[in-house]
Amino acid sequence: MKNLEQALQQAAARLDAAIKRELEVRKHNKSGRLSASVKTEVTPTSQGYGLSTQMEDYGTTLNQRSNFLDASIQSEEEAINQIIEDAVQQDITDFLDQEL
Protein backbone atom coordinates (compact mmCIF):
# COMPACT_ATOMS: atom_id res chain seq x y z
CA MET A 1 0.00 0.00 0.00
CA LYS A 2 3.00 2.28 0.34
CA ASN A 3 3.20 2.73 -3.44
CA LEU A 4 -0.49 3.58 -3.64
CA GLU A 5 -0.18 6.19 -0.90
CA GLN A 6 2.81 7.75 -2.67
CA ALA A 7 0.94 7.73 -5.97
CA LEU A 8 -2.04 9.44 -4.38
CA GLN A 9 0.28 12.11 -2.93
CA GLN A 10 1.71 12.64 -6.44
CA ALA A 11 -1.80 12.81 -7.88
CA ALA A 12 -2.75 15.40 -5.25
CA ALA A 13 0.29 17.50 -6.18
CA ARG A 14 -0.58 17.26 -9.89
CA LEU A 15 -4.17 18.27 -9.20
CA ASP A 16 -3.02 21.28 -7.15
CA ALA A 17 -0.70 22.32 -9.99
CA ALA A 18 -3.49 21.92 -12.57
CA ILE A 19 -5.89 24.05 -10.53
CA LYS A 20 -3.23 26.74 -10.06
CA ARG A 21 -2.48 26.75 -13.82
CA GLU A 22 -6.19 27.13 -14.53
CA LEU A 23 -6.38 30.07 -12.10
CA GLU A 24 -3.50 31.73 -13.97
CA VAL A 25 -5.05 31.09 -17.39
CA ARG A 26 -8.36 32.57 -16.29
CA LYS A 27 -6.61 35.53 -14.61
CA HIS A 28 -8.06 34.79 -11.17
CA ASN A 29 -4.71 34.93 -9.40
CA LYS A 30 -3.67 38.58 -9.19
CA SER A 31 -2.39 38.50 -5.61
CA GLY A 32 -1.50 34.80 -5.50
CA ARG A 33 -3.49 34.38 -2.30
CA LEU A 34 -6.15 32.12 -3.85
CA SER A 35 -3.52 29.99 -5.56
CA ALA A 36 -1.61 29.63 -2.29
CA SER A 37 -4.79 28.47 -0.54
CA VAL A 38 -5.33 25.50 -2.89
CA LYS A 39 -4.58 22.30 -0.99
CA THR A 40 -5.37 18.74 -2.02
CA GLU A 41 -5.00 16.07 0.64
CA VAL A 42 -5.15 12.30 0.60
CA THR A 43 -7.84 11.28 3.07
CA PRO A 44 -8.85 7.82 4.29
CA THR A 45 -12.45 6.90 3.50
CA SER A 46 -14.64 3.93 4.28
CA GLN A 47 -13.74 2.52 0.84
CA GLY A 48 -9.98 3.25 0.89
CA TYR A 49 -8.50 6.64 0.08
CA GLY A 50 -9.81 9.81 -1.53
CA LEU A 51 -8.53 13.17 -2.69
CA SER A 52 -10.00 16.23 -1.03
CA THR A 53 -9.33 19.72 -2.44
CA GLN A 54 -9.89 22.87 -0.41
CA MET A 55 -9.38 26.55 -1.19
CA GLU A 56 -10.48 29.95 0.03
CA ASP A 57 -14.17 30.78 -0.16
CA TYR A 58 -13.59 32.95 -3.23
CA GLY A 59 -12.28 29.90 -5.07
CA THR A 60 -15.32 27.87 -4.09
CA THR A 61 -17.64 30.62 -5.34
CA LEU A 62 -15.61 30.91 -8.53
CA ASN A 63 -15.85 27.16 -9.08
CA GLN A 64 -19.63 27.24 -8.72
CA ARG A 65 -19.82 30.04 -11.28
CA SER A 66 -17.29 28.97 -13.90
CA ASN A 67 -16.39 25.29 -13.42
CA PHE A 68 -12.66 26.07 -13.50
CA LEU A 69 -11.96 23.19 -11.11
CA ASP A 70 -13.65 20.74 -13.47
CA ALA A 71 -11.48 21.98 -16.35
CA SER A 72 -8.35 21.33 -14.27
CA ILE A 73 -9.44 17.87 -13.23
CA GLN A 74 -10.22 16.85 -16.81
CA SER A 75 -6.84 18.02 -18.06
CA GLU A 76 -5.00 15.93 -15.44
CA GLU A 77 -7.43 13.04 -14.99
CA GLU A 78 -5.71 10.58 -17.35
CA ALA A 79 -2.26 11.23 -15.87
CA ILE A 80 -3.57 10.88 -12.31
CA ASN A 81 -5.36 7.63 -13.16
CA GLN A 82 -2.18 6.22 -14.72
CA ILE A 83 -0.11 7.13 -11.64
CA ILE A 84 -2.60 5.31 -9.40
CA GLU A 85 -2.86 2.25 -11.67
CA ASP A 86 0.93 1.96 -11.83
CA ALA A 87 1.17 2.18 -8.03
CA VAL A 88 -1.48 -0.48 -7.50
CA GLN A 89 0.30 -2.77 -9.95
CA GLN A 90 3.61 -2.16 -8.13
CA ASP A 91 1.96 -2.91 -4.76
CA ILE A 92 0.62 -6.21 -6.12
CA THR A 93 4.00 -7.11 -7.60
CA ASP A 94 5.78 -6.27 -4.31
CA PHE A 95 3.27 -8.35 -2.35
CA LEU A 96 3.68 -11.36 -4.64
CA ASP A 97 7.48 -11.07 -4.52
CA GLN A 98 7.36 -11.15 -0.72
CA GLU A 99 5.02 -14.16 -0.70
CA LEU A 100 7.20 -16.19 -3.07
C-alpha atoms as a PDB file:
ATOM      1  CA  MET A   1       0.000   0.000   0.000  1.00  0.00           C
ATOM      2  CA  LYS A   2       2.995   2.278   0.337  1.00  0.00           C
ATOM      3  CA  ASN A   3       3.205   2.733  -3.441  1.00  0.00           C
ATOM      4  CA  LEU A   4      -0.492   3.579  -3.642  1.00  0.00           C
ATOM      5  CA  GLU A   5      -0.183   6.194  -0.904  1.00  0.00           C
ATOM      6  CA  GLN A   6       2.813   7.747  -2.670  1.00  0.00           C
ATOM      7  CA  ALA A   7       0.937   7.726  -5.974  1.00  0.00           C
ATOM      8  CA  LEU A   8      -2.041   9.444  -4.385  1.00  0.00           C
ATOM      9  CA  GLN A   9       0.280  12.108  -2.931  1.00  0.00           C
ATOM     10  CA  GLN A  10       1.712  12.640  -6.440  1.00  0.00           C
ATOM     11  CA  ALA A  11      -1.801  12.810  -7.876  1.00  0.00           C
ATOM     12  CA  ALA A  12      -2.754  15.400  -5.249  1.00  0.00           C
ATOM     13  CA  ALA A  13       0.287  17.505  -6.179  1.00  0.00           C
ATOM     14  CA  ARG A  14      -0.578  17.257  -9.891  1.00  0.00           C
ATOM     15  CA  LEU A  15      -4.173  18.274  -9.201  1.00  0.00           C
ATOM     16  CA  ASP A  16      -3.023  21.282  -7.151  1.00  0.00           C
ATOM     17  CA  ALA A  17      -0.704  22.320  -9.987  1.00  0.00           C
ATOM     18  CA  ALA A  18      -3.493  21.920 -12.570  1.00  0.00           C
ATOM     19  CA  ILE A  19      -5.893  24.052 -10.526  1.00  0.00           C
ATOM     20  CA  LYS A  20      -3.233  26.740 -10.059  1.00  0.00           C
ATOM     21  CA  ARG A  21      -2.485  26.751 -13.816  1.00  0.00           C
ATOM     22  CA  GLU A  22      -6.188  27.133 -14.531  1.00  0.00           C
ATOM     23  CA  LEU A  23      -6.375  30.068 -12.100  1.00  0.00           C
ATOM     24  CA  GLU A  24      -3.497  31.731 -13.972  1.00  0.00           C
ATOM     25  CA  VAL A  25      -5.052  31.092 -17.394  1.00  0.00           C
ATOM     26  CA  ARG A  26      -8.363  32.572 -16.289  1.00  0.00           C
ATOM     27  CA  LYS A  27      -6.606  35.534 -14.608  1.00  0.00           C
ATOM     28  CA  HIS A  28      -8.059  34.792 -11.166  1.00  0.00           C
ATOM     29  CA  ASN A  29      -4.705  34.932  -9.396  1.00  0.00           C
ATOM     30  CA  LYS A  30      -3.670  38.585  -9.185  1.00  0.00           C
ATOM     31  CA  SER A  31      -2.388  38.499  -5.606  1.00  0.00           C
ATOM     32  CA  GLY A  32      -1.501  34.795  -5.505  1.00  0.00           C
ATOM     33  CA  ARG A  33      -3.493  34.379  -2.305  1.00  0.00           C
ATOM     34  CA  LEU A  34      -6.147  32.121  -3.850  1.00  0.00           C
ATOM     35  CA  SER A  35      -3.517  29.988  -5.563  1.00  0.00           C
ATOM     36  CA  ALA A  36      -1.606  29.627  -2.294  1.00  0.00           C
ATOM     37  CA  SER A  37      -4.790  28.470  -0.542  1.00  0.00           C
ATOM     38  CA  VAL A  38      -5.329  25.499  -2.890  1.00  0.00           C
ATOM     39  CA  LYS A  39      -4.575  22.295  -0.988  1.00  0.00           C
ATOM     40  CA  THR A  40      -5.369  18.735  -2.019  1.00  0.00           C
ATOM     41  CA  GLU A  41      -4.999  16.074   0.643  1.00  0.00           C
ATOM     42  CA  VAL A  42      -5.152  12.305   0.599  1.00  0.00           C
ATOM     43  CA  THR A  43      -7.840  11.277   3.066  1.00  0.00           C
ATOM     44  CA  PRO A  44      -8.850   7.818   4.286  1.00  0.00           C
ATOM     45  CA  THR A  45     -12.453   6.904   3.503  1.00  0.00           C
ATOM     46  CA  SER A  46     -14.639   3.925   4.283  1.00  0.00           C
ATOM     47  CA  GLN A  47     -13.742   2.523   0.837  1.00  0.00           C
ATOM     48  CA  GLY A  48      -9.978   3.249   0.886  1.00  0.00           C
ATOM     49  CA  TYR A  49      -8.496   6.640   0.077  1.00  0.00           C
ATOM     50  CA  GLY A  50      -9.809   9.808  -1.527  1.00  0.00           C
ATOM     51  CA  LEU A  51      -8.528  13.165  -2.691  1.00  0.00           C
ATOM     52  CA  SER A  52     -10.000  16.235  -1.026  1.00  0.00           C
ATOM     53  CA  THR A  53      -9.331  19.724  -2.441  1.00  0.00           C
ATOM     54  CA  GLN A  54      -9.889  22.870  -0.412  1.00  0.00           C
ATOM     55  CA  MET A  55      -9.382  26.545  -1.194  1.00  0.00           C
ATOM     56  CA  GLU A  56     -10.477  29.949   0.031  1.00  0.00           C
ATOM     57  CA  ASP A  57     -14.175  30.784  -0.160  1.00  0.00           C
ATOM     58  CA  TYR A  58     -13.591  32.952  -3.225  1.00  0.00           C
ATOM     59  CA  GLY A  59     -12.275  29.901  -5.071  1.00  0.00           C
ATOM     60  CA  THR A  60     -15.318  27.868  -4.088  1.00  0.00           C
ATOM     61  CA  THR A  61     -17.638  30.617  -5.337  1.00  0.00           C
ATOM     62  CA  LEU A  62     -15.613  30.911  -8.535  1.00  0.00           C
ATOM     63  CA  ASN A  63     -15.849  27.162  -9.077  1.00  0.00           C
ATOM     64  CA  GLN A  64     -19.629  27.244  -8.719  1.00  0.00           C
ATOM     65  CA  ARG A  65     -19.816  30.044 -11.281  1.00  0.00           C
ATOM     66  CA  SER A  66     -17.288  28.970 -13.904  1.00  0.00           C
ATOM     67  CA  ASN A  67     -16.391  25.286 -13.418  1.00  0.00           C
ATOM     68  CA  PHE A  68     -12.661  26.071 -13.505  1.00  0.00           C
ATOM     69  CA  LEU A  69     -11.955  23.192 -11.108  1.00  0.00           C
ATOM     70  CA  ASP A  70     -13.649  20.738 -13.469  1.00  0.00           C
ATOM     71  CA  ALA A  71     -11.483  21.979 -16.346  1.00  0.00           C
ATOM     72  CA  SER A  72      -8.351  21.331 -14.274  1.00  0.00           C
ATOM     73  CA  ILE A  73      -9.436  17.870 -13.231  1.00  0.00           C
ATOM     74  CA  GLN A  74     -10.220  16.851 -16.808  1.00  0.00           C
ATOM     75  CA  SER A  75      -6.837  18.018 -18.058  1.00  0.00           C
ATOM     76  CA  GLU A  76      -5.001  15.926 -15.436  1.00  0.00           C
ATOM     77  CA  GLU A  77      -7.430  13.035 -14.993  1.00  0.00           C
ATOM     78  CA  GLU A  78      -5.712  10.581 -17.348  1.00  0.00           C
ATOM     79  CA  ALA A  79      -2.262  11.230 -15.871  1.00  0.00           C
ATOM     80  CA  ILE A  80      -3.573  10.876 -12.314  1.00  0.00           C
ATOM     81  CA  ASN A  81      -5.358   7.629 -13.157  1.00  0.00           C
ATOM     82  CA  GLN A  82      -2.184   6.217 -14.719  1.00  0.00           C
ATOM     83  CA  ILE A  83      -0.110   7.134 -11.636  1.00  0.00           C
ATOM     84  CA  ILE A  84      -2.600   5.309  -9.401  1.00  0.00           C
ATOM     85  CA  GLU A  85      -2.860   2.251 -11.673  1.00  0.00           C
ATOM     86  CA  ASP A  86       0.930   1.958 -11.825  1.00  0.00           C
ATOM     87  CA  ALA A  87       1.170   2.184  -8.030  1.00  0.00           C
ATOM     88  CA  VAL A  88      -1.480  -0.483  -7.500  1.00  0.00           C
ATOM     89  CA  GLN A  89       0.304  -2.774  -9.955  1.00  0.00           C
ATOM     90  CA  GLN A  90       3.607  -2.164  -8.134  1.00  0.00           C
ATOM     91  CA  ASP A  91       1.962  -2.911  -4.759  1.00  0.00           C
ATOM     92  CA  ILE A  92       0.619  -6.205  -6.118  1.00  0.00           C
ATOM     93  CA  THR A  93       3.998  -7.113  -7.601  1.00  0.00           C
ATOM     94  CA  ASP A  94       5.781  -6.271  -4.315  1.00  0.00           C
ATOM     95  CA  PHE A  95       3.275  -8.350  -2.349  1.00  0.00           C
ATOM     96  CA  LEU A  96       3.680 -11.356  -4.638  1.00  0.00           C
ATOM     97  CA  ASP A  97       7.481 -11.074  -4.524  1.00  0.00           C
ATOM     98  CA  GLN A  98       7.359 -11.150  -0.716  1.00  0.00           C
ATOM     99  CA  GLU A  99       5.016 -14.156  -0.695  1.00  0.00           C
ATOM    100  CA  LEU A 100       7.195 -16.193  -3.065  1.00  0.00           C
END
